[in-house]
């Protein structure tokens, strides 16, 4: 860092197991990928090539090399996994991952239906050779999964071999752990994290207000996903309290929280 600034939150360092920033690449070119990695590589832990974009992206191999040279793991979106599974081509999908030296894989069923048992078996089988991120939650805004089912499924998928479980929100941030208007389903999230360590979860949070909510609730080292590439650095400033939205949440003076100090000073001023 070129600056010296006291009392910043302590951020985990790469390779991170917590405080993960998972970026959604929706079709960057090789040149855009180079520019992105130049400024954001230190703050990005993994990149997802969204849904089936890798299938239609030109110069895919060259693009993957840029990410590899920047030390950023890449994986193909869960919808591509579902497209192969739907066509009974899981073996072909595994060959595709090996062809491109992809070490992470997302196992999801946000659009297609598969039984919990089948999904867990796939996770178990793939986790022998890949780092598995499984995803829980539906992309259908009208399908409301009760909190107890979220907890049960997440626990079972972690036991099956998932490294992290992604809590669905889509690119829009309007399904899964969010209501259609983008509001956080706070009761659901609190029930999940009451029973499952947040370090094992990645919360998709594409909108700034959603990112702020999670950082205020769970701290700088909460795992967040579906972050737009041009939001990677802005998100890092939120994590460090270097943006107005979280400035007072992390600043302290001699161990005293800034918000408490301001309240105390105002109280003394009023008494005078």
Protein backbone atom coordinates (compact mmCIF):
# COMPACT_ATOMS: atom_id res chain seq x y z
CA UNK A 1 0.00 0.00 0.00
CA UNK A 2 1.41 3.48 -0.83
CA UNK A 3 -0.26 5.06 2.22
CA UNK A 4 0.06 4.63 5.97
CA UNK A 5 -3.30 4.70 7.75
CA UNK A 6 -3.94 3.49 11.28
CA UNK A 7 -6.81 1.42 12.65
CA UNK A 8 -7.92 -0.29 9.46
CA UNK A 9 -9.66 -3.67 9.73
CA UNK A 10 -7.31 -6.61 9.44
CA UNK A 11 -7.92 -8.24 6.05
CA UNK A 12 -7.05 -11.84 5.35
CA UNK A 13 -4.29 -12.33 2.81
CA UNK A 14 -4.22 -14.41 -0.37
CA UNK A 15 -4.64 -17.30 -0.66
CA UNK A 16 -7.70 -16.59 1.47
CA UNK A 17 -10.04 -19.07 3.08
CA UNK A 18 -12.24 -16.25 4.33
CA UNK A 19 -12.84 -12.72 3.11
CA UNK A 20 -13.17 -14.14 -0.40
CA UNK A 21 -14.17 -11.88 -3.28
CA UNK A 22 -15.67 -13.93 -6.12
CA UNK A 23 -15.94 -11.88 -9.32
CA UNK A 24 -18.43 -12.50 -12.13
CA UNK A 25 -16.87 -12.20 -15.59
CA UNK A 26 -19.68 -11.87 -18.13
CA UNK A 27 -17.51 -12.02 -21.25
CA UNK A 28 -14.39 -9.88 -20.89
CA UNK A 29 -11.96 -9.85 -23.79
CA UNK A 30 -8.31 -10.78 -23.30
CA UNK A 31 -7.38 -7.10 -23.20
CA UNK A 32 -10.10 -6.27 -20.69
CA UNK A 33 -8.96 -9.21 -18.57
CA UNK A 34 -5.38 -7.92 -18.62
CA UNK A 35 -6.52 -4.46 -17.50
CA UNK A 36 -8.72 -5.93 -14.79
CA UNK A 37 -5.96 -8.14 -13.40
CA UNK A 38 -3.46 -5.27 -13.44
CA UNK A 39 -5.44 -3.30 -10.88
CA UNK A 40 -7.54 -5.91 -9.05
CA UNK A 41 -5.57 -9.17 -8.82
CA UNK A 42 -4.62 -8.60 -5.16
CA UNK A 43 -8.26 -8.26 -4.15
CA UNK A 44 -9.86 -11.04 -6.20
CA UNK A 45 -9.74 -14.66 -5.05
CA UNK A 46 -11.65 -16.46 -7.77
CA UNK A 47 -13.42 -15.57 -11.03
CA UNK A 48 -16.54 -17.20 -12.40
CA UNK A 49 -17.08 -17.08 -16.15
CA UNK A 50 -20.81 -16.43 -15.87
CA UNK A 51 -23.40 -19.01 -16.94
CA UNK A 52 -22.42 -20.24 -20.46
CA UNK A 53 -20.29 -17.27 -21.54
CA UNK A 54 -17.16 -19.43 -21.78
CA UNK A 55 -18.83 -21.38 -24.62
CA UNK A 56 -19.11 -18.28 -26.83
CA UNK A 57 -16.08 -16.24 -25.66
CA UNK A 58 -13.34 -15.93 -28.32
CA UNK A 59 -9.71 -16.61 -27.34
CA UNK A 60 -10.80 -18.43 -24.19
CA UNK A 61 -7.46 -20.15 -23.71
CA UNK A 62 -5.53 -16.88 -23.90
CA UNK A 63 -7.94 -15.29 -21.45
CA UNK A 64 -7.55 -18.15 -18.98
CA UNK A 65 -3.77 -17.75 -19.23
CA UNK A 66 -4.08 -14.10 -18.17
CA UNK A 67 -6.01 -15.09 -15.05
CA UNK A 68 -3.56 -17.90 -14.31
CA UNK A 69 -0.55 -15.59 -14.59
CA UNK A 70 -2.29 -13.18 -12.21
CA UNK A 71 -2.79 -15.97 -9.68
CA UNK A 72 -6.58 -15.97 -9.92
CA UNK A 73 -8.39 -19.33 -10.18
CA UNK A 74 -11.24 -19.46 -12.70
CA UNK A 75 -14.25 -21.69 -13.06
CA UNK A 76 -17.17 -22.04 -15.44
CA UNK A 77 -20.61 -20.88 -14.34
CA UNK A 78 -23.11 -23.22 -12.75
CA UNK A 79 -25.54 -22.87 -15.64
CA UNK A 80 -22.99 -24.44 -18.01
CA UNK A 81 -22.69 -27.33 -15.56
CA UNK A 82 -26.48 -27.65 -15.58
CA UNK A 83 -26.55 -27.54 -19.41
CA UNK A 84 -24.17 -30.50 -19.57
CA UNK A 85 -25.98 -32.37 -16.81
CA UNK A 86 -29.32 -31.83 -18.55
CA UNK A 87 -27.91 -33.52 -21.65
CA UNK A 88 -26.38 -36.42 -19.68
CA UNK A 89 -22.90 -35.18 -20.61
CA UNK A 90 -21.28 -34.86 -17.19
CA UNK A 91 -18.30 -36.93 -18.35
CA UNK A 92 -17.81 -34.51 -21.25
CA UNK A 93 -17.95 -31.59 -18.80
CA UNK A 94 -15.22 -33.14 -16.67
CA UNK A 95 -13.08 -33.60 -19.79
CA UNK A 96 -13.68 -29.93 -20.61
CA UNK A 97 -12.46 -28.88 -17.16
CA UNK A 98 -9.34 -31.00 -17.53
CA UNK A 99 -8.70 -29.69 -21.04
CA UNK A 100 -8.55 -26.12 -19.75
CA UNK A 101 -6.86 -27.01 -16.44
CA UNK A 102 -9.81 -25.73 -14.43
CA UNK A 103 -9.39 -26.70 -10.77
CA UNK A 104 -12.66 -25.27 -9.39
CA UNK A 105 -16.15 -26.39 -10.30
CA UNK A 106 -19.60 -25.13 -9.38
CA UNK A 107 -22.34 -27.69 -8.79
CA UNK A 108 -25.75 -26.06 -8.95
CA UNK A 109 -29.38 -26.81 -9.62
CA UNK A 110 -30.80 -23.32 -9.71
CA UNK A 111 -32.62 -23.87 -13.01
CA UNK A 112 -32.94 -27.62 -13.48
CA UNK A 113 -34.26 -30.06 -10.90
CA UNK A 114 -32.11 -32.85 -9.52
CA UNK A 115 -32.63 -34.67 -6.27
CA UNK A 116 -30.59 -33.73 -3.22
CA UNK A 117 -29.13 -37.23 -3.22
CA UNK A 118 -27.93 -37.00 -6.83
CA UNK A 119 -26.44 -33.56 -6.29
CA UNK A 120 -24.58 -34.74 -3.20
CA UNK A 121 -23.19 -37.72 -5.10
CA UNK A 122 -21.92 -35.44 -7.86
CA UNK A 123 -20.29 -33.20 -5.24
CA UNK A 124 -18.65 -36.19 -3.58
CA UNK A 125 -17.34 -37.54 -6.88
CA UNK A 126 -16.04 -34.19 -8.16
CA UNK A 127 -14.45 -33.19 -4.84
CA UNK A 128 -11.93 -35.99 -5.29
CA UNK A 129 -10.31 -34.02 -8.14
CA UNK A 130 -11.62 -30.45 -7.94
CA UNK A 131 -12.36 -27.70 -5.44
CA UNK A 132 -16.14 -27.75 -5.39
CA UNK A 133 -18.37 -24.76 -4.81
CA UNK A 134 -21.97 -25.89 -4.61
CA UNK A 135 -24.84 -23.44 -4.89
CA UNK A 136 -28.07 -23.47 -2.92
CA UNK A 137 -31.19 -21.52 -3.85
CA UNK A 138 -33.45 -21.20 -6.86
CA UNK A 139 -33.24 -18.70 -9.70
CA UNK A 140 -37.04 -18.65 -9.75
CA UNK A 141 -38.20 -15.61 -7.72
CA UNK A 142 -41.51 -17.36 -6.99
CA UNK A 143 -39.85 -20.37 -5.35
CA UNK A 144 -39.36 -19.65 -1.66
CA UNK A 145 -37.21 -22.21 0.15
CA UNK A 146 -37.89 -22.28 3.92
CA UNK A 147 -34.91 -21.52 6.18
CA UNK A 148 -34.76 -25.04 7.68
CA UNK A 149 -34.34 -26.46 4.16
CA UNK A 150 -31.53 -24.02 3.36
CA UNK A 151 -29.69 -25.12 6.51
CA UNK A 152 -30.26 -28.83 5.87
CA UNK A 153 -29.12 -28.70 2.25
CA UNK A 154 -26.06 -26.55 3.01
CA UNK A 155 -24.97 -28.91 5.81
CA UNK A 156 -25.41 -31.96 3.58
CA UNK A 157 -23.45 -30.43 0.71
CA UNK A 158 -20.58 -29.43 2.98
CA UNK A 159 -20.51 -32.99 4.32
CA UNK A 160 -20.53 -34.30 0.73
CA UNK A 161 -17.33 -32.38 -0.04
CA UNK A 162 -18.16 -28.79 -0.97
CA UNK A 163 -15.38 -26.41 -0.05
CA UNK A 164 -17.85 -23.50 0.09
CA UNK A 165 -21.58 -23.22 -0.45
CA UNK A 166 -22.78 -20.27 -2.50
CA UNK A 167 -26.05 -18.70 -1.40
CA UNK A 168 -27.97 -17.84 -4.57
CA UNK A 169 -28.90 -14.29 -5.56
CA UNK A 170 -28.28 -14.25 -9.33
CA UNK A 171 -26.58 -11.37 -11.11
CA UNK A 172 -29.64 -9.23 -10.35
CA UNK A 173 -29.59 -9.71 -6.58
CA UNK A 174 -33.35 -10.28 -6.55
CA UNK A 175 -33.78 -13.99 -5.70
CA UNK A 176 -32.57 -16.49 -3.11
CA UNK A 177 -31.28 -14.62 -0.08
CA UNK A 178 -32.87 -11.41 -1.42
CA UNK A 179 -36.44 -10.39 -2.02
CA UNK A 180 -37.53 -9.36 -5.56
CA UNK A 181 -36.90 -5.69 -4.64
CA UNK A 182 -33.30 -6.48 -3.63
CA UNK A 183 -33.97 -6.30 0.11
CA UNK A 184 -31.97 -8.73 2.25
CA UNK A 185 -33.90 -11.66 3.71
CA UNK A 186 -32.15 -10.98 7.02
CA UNK A 187 -34.09 -13.56 9.03
CA UNK A 188 -33.13 -16.30 6.59
CA UNK A 189 -29.45 -15.32 6.62
CA UNK A 190 -29.33 -15.10 10.40
CA UNK A 191 -30.90 -18.54 10.74
CA UNK A 192 -28.36 -19.99 8.32
CA UNK A 193 -25.36 -18.40 10.05
CA UNK A 194 -26.65 -19.36 13.49
CA UNK A 195 -26.09 -22.99 12.51
CA UNK A 196 -23.36 -22.85 9.86
CA UNK A 197 -20.05 -21.02 10.00
CA UNK A 198 -20.12 -18.01 7.70
CA UNK A 199 -16.57 -18.93 6.61
CA UNK A 200 -18.10 -21.88 4.75
CA UNK A 201 -20.57 -19.65 2.89
CA UNK A 202 -20.26 -17.29 -0.06
CA UNK A 203 -23.08 -14.78 -0.25
CA UNK A 204 -23.87 -13.51 -3.73
CA UNK A 205 -24.23 -9.76 -3.31
CA UNK A 206 -24.04 -7.89 -6.63
CA UNK A 207 -25.42 -4.58 -5.34
CA UNK A 208 -23.50 -2.13 -3.15
CA UNK A 209 -26.25 -1.87 -0.52
CA UNK A 210 -26.20 -5.66 -0.20
CA UNK A 211 -22.42 -5.72 0.18
CA UNK A 212 -22.62 -3.04 2.86
CA UNK A 213 -25.24 -5.04 4.77
CA UNK A 214 -23.07 -8.17 4.85
CA UNK A 215 -19.90 -6.29 5.80
CA UNK A 216 -21.63 -4.48 8.62
CA UNK A 217 -23.23 -7.71 9.81
CA UNK A 218 -20.29 -10.10 9.52
CA UNK A 219 -17.21 -7.90 9.21
CA UNK A 220 -14.55 -7.20 6.61
CA UNK A 221 -13.77 -10.85 5.97
CA UNK A 222 -17.19 -12.05 4.89
CA UNK A 223 -17.18 -14.08 1.64
CA UNK A 224 -18.99 -12.26 -1.18
CA UNK A 225 -19.76 -13.35 -4.73
CA UNK A 226 -21.19 -12.18 -8.05
CA UNK A 227 -19.13 -9.02 -7.79
CA UNK A 228 -18.80 -7.09 -11.05
CA UNK A 229 -15.16 -6.72 -12.18
CA UNK A 230 -15.26 -2.93 -11.95
CA UNK A 231 -16.63 -3.25 -8.40
CA UNK A 232 -13.73 -5.31 -7.02
CA UNK A 233 -11.73 -2.30 -5.81
CA UNK A 234 -14.80 -0.38 -4.59
CA UNK A 235 -15.75 -3.50 -2.59
CA UNK A 236 -12.29 -3.64 -1.04
CA UNK A 237 -12.70 -0.04 0.13
CA UNK A 238 -16.00 -1.02 1.74
CA UNK A 239 -14.23 -3.88 3.52
CA UNK A 240 -11.57 -1.48 4.84
CA UNK A 241 -13.90 1.33 5.89
CA UNK A 242 -12.53 3.62 3.18
CA UNK A 243 -15.90 4.48 1.71
CA UNK A 244 -18.61 6.57 3.30
CA UNK A 245 -20.94 3.59 3.66
CA UNK A 246 -18.63 1.82 6.15
CA UNK A 247 -16.27 4.61 7.27
CA UNK A 248 -17.73 4.84 10.77
CA UNK A 249 -18.18 1.10 11.12
CA UNK A 250 -14.47 0.35 11.35
CA UNK A 251 -12.67 3.50 12.44
CA UNK A 252 -11.61 3.48 16.08
CA UNK A 253 -9.51 5.72 18.32
CA UNK A 254 -7.61 4.08 21.18
CA UNK A 255 -9.87 1.07 20.96
CA UNK A 256 -13.06 3.11 21.09
CA UNK A 257 -15.53 2.67 18.25
CA UNK A 258 -15.93 5.91 16.37
CA UNK A 259 -19.73 5.80 16.52
CA UNK A 260 -19.58 5.47 20.32
CA UNK A 261 -17.12 8.36 20.51
CA UNK A 262 -19.33 10.65 18.45
CA UNK A 263 -22.33 9.81 20.62
CA UNK A 264 -20.30 10.50 23.76
CA UNK A 265 -19.02 13.84 22.45
CA UNK A 266 -22.50 14.92 21.45
CA UNK A 267 -23.79 13.95 24.87
CA UNK A 268 -21.12 16.04 26.61
CA UNK A 269 -21.77 18.96 24.30
CA UNK A 270 -25.50 18.83 25.06
CA UNK A 271 -24.87 18.76 28.79
CA UNK A 272 -22.74 21.86 28.54
